[in-house]
Amino acid sequence: MGKTIRLTFDDAVHVWLMRWSGMYQHDIAPHFAVNQGRISEVLAGKLHTGSEAVARKMR
């Protein structure tokens, strides 16, 4: 069986920054070796709540 890859909170912060820079979810996903669904969960606020706020402070 394949290894399960999980996004960390820091990864989620970077997902937000990448999205705001104009990248699409399907382009972000390969950077973290996850499927687009994991990226969608971050951007929908279902995974790593609070990562958007941290990312906003980094902008």
C-alpha atoms as a PDB file:
ATOM      1  CA  MET A   1       0.000   0.000   0.000  1.00  0.00           C
ATOM      2  CA  GLY A   2       1.047   3.592  -0.649  1.00  0.00           C
ATOM      3  CA  LYS A   3       2.158   5.970   2.043  1.00  0.00           C
ATOM      4  CA  THR A   4      -0.482   8.460   3.204  1.00  0.00           C
ATOM      5  CA  ILE A   5       0.712  12.009   2.786  1.00  0.00           C
ATOM      6  CA  ARG A   6      -0.848  14.629   4.991  1.00  0.00           C
ATOM      7  CA  LEU A   7      -0.621  18.364   4.724  1.00  0.00           C
ATOM      8  CA  THR A   8       0.836  20.067   7.765  1.00  0.00           C
ATOM      9  CA  PHE A   9      -0.447  23.376   9.094  1.00  0.00           C
ATOM     10  CA  ASP A  10       2.588  25.094   7.543  1.00  0.00           C
ATOM     11  CA  ASP A  11       1.802  23.430   4.220  1.00  0.00           C
ATOM     12  CA  ALA A  12      -1.743  24.791   4.467  1.00  0.00           C
ATOM     13  CA  VAL A  13      -0.408  28.320   5.025  1.00  0.00           C
ATOM     14  CA  HIS A  14       1.667  27.944   1.875  1.00  0.00           C
ATOM     15  CA  VAL A  15      -1.369  26.630  -0.004  1.00  0.00           C
ATOM     16  CA  TRP A  16      -3.141  29.920   0.749  1.00  0.00           C
ATOM     17  CA  LEU A  17      -0.165  31.973  -0.370  1.00  0.00           C
ATOM     18  CA  MET A  18       0.159  29.982  -3.582  1.00  0.00           C
ATOM     19  CA  ARG A  19      -3.550  30.356  -4.335  1.00  0.00           C
ATOM     20  CA  TRP A  20      -3.439  34.109  -3.778  1.00  0.00           C
ATOM     21  CA  SER A  21      -0.460  34.339  -6.112  1.00  0.00           C
ATOM     22  CA  GLY A  22      -2.753  33.055  -8.872  1.00  0.00           C
ATOM     23  CA  MET A  23      -2.071  29.319  -8.859  1.00  0.00           C
ATOM     24  CA  TYR A  24      -4.919  26.866  -9.365  1.00  0.00           C
ATOM     25  CA  GLN A  25      -5.647  23.963  -7.020  1.00  0.00           C
ATOM     26  CA  HIS A  26      -4.577  21.386  -9.606  1.00  0.00           C
ATOM     27  CA  ASP A  27      -1.231  23.179  -9.928  1.00  0.00           C
ATOM     28  CA  ILE A  28      -0.709  23.481  -6.163  1.00  0.00           C
ATOM     29  CA  ALA A  29      -1.410  19.817  -5.369  1.00  0.00           C
ATOM     30  CA  PRO A  30       1.724  18.358  -7.009  1.00  0.00           C
ATOM     31  CA  HIS A  31       3.949  20.644  -4.933  1.00  0.00           C
ATOM     32  CA  PHE A  32       2.806  18.727  -1.843  1.00  0.00           C
ATOM     33  CA  ALA A  33       2.311  15.309  -3.504  1.00  0.00           C
ATOM     34  CA  VAL A  34      -1.383  15.267  -2.625  1.00  0.00           C
ATOM     35  CA  ASN A  35      -4.517  15.214  -4.722  1.00  0.00           C
ATOM     36  CA  GLN A  36      -6.527  18.323  -5.498  1.00  0.00           C
ATOM     37  CA  GLY A  37      -9.127  17.324  -2.901  1.00  0.00           C
ATOM     38  CA  ARG A  38      -6.708  18.015  -0.039  1.00  0.00           C
ATOM     39  CA  ILE A  39      -6.033  21.488  -1.424  1.00  0.00           C
ATOM     40  CA  SER A  40      -9.758  22.069  -1.736  1.00  0.00           C
ATOM     41  CA  GLU A  41     -10.251  21.065   1.907  1.00  0.00           C
ATOM     42  CA  VAL A  42      -7.712  23.670   3.010  1.00  0.00           C
ATOM     43  CA  LEU A  43      -9.282  26.428   0.902  1.00  0.00           C
ATOM     44  CA  ALA A  44     -12.787  25.504   2.068  1.00  0.00           C
ATOM     45  CA  GLY A  45     -11.715  25.764   5.711  1.00  0.00           C
ATOM     46  CA  LYS A  46     -12.282  22.067   6.421  1.00  0.00           C
ATOM     47  CA  LEU A  47      -8.606  21.282   7.038  1.00  0.00           C
ATOM     48  CA  HIS A  48      -6.173  23.292   9.175  1.00  0.00           C
ATOM     49  CA  THR A  49      -8.550  25.956  10.386  1.00  0.00           C
ATOM     50  CA  GLY A  50      -6.646  29.159  11.047  1.00  0.00           C
ATOM     51  CA  SER A  51      -4.124  28.692   8.264  1.00  0.00           C
ATOM     52  CA  GLU A  52      -5.776  31.428   6.201  1.00  0.00           C
ATOM     53  CA  ALA A  53      -5.383  33.964   9.026  1.00  0.00           C
ATOM     54  CA  VAL A  54      -1.712  33.080   9.448  1.00  0.00           C
ATOM     55  CA  ALA A  55      -1.166  33.369   5.701  1.00  0.00           C
ATOM     56  CA  ARG A  56      -2.815  36.803   5.651  1.00  0.00           C
ATOM     57  CA  LYS A  57      -0.285  38.028   8.201  1.00  0.00           C
ATOM     58  CA  MET A  58       2.525  36.814   5.946  1.00  0.00           C
ATOM     59  CA  ARG A  59       1.317  38.628   2.835  1.00  0.00           C
END
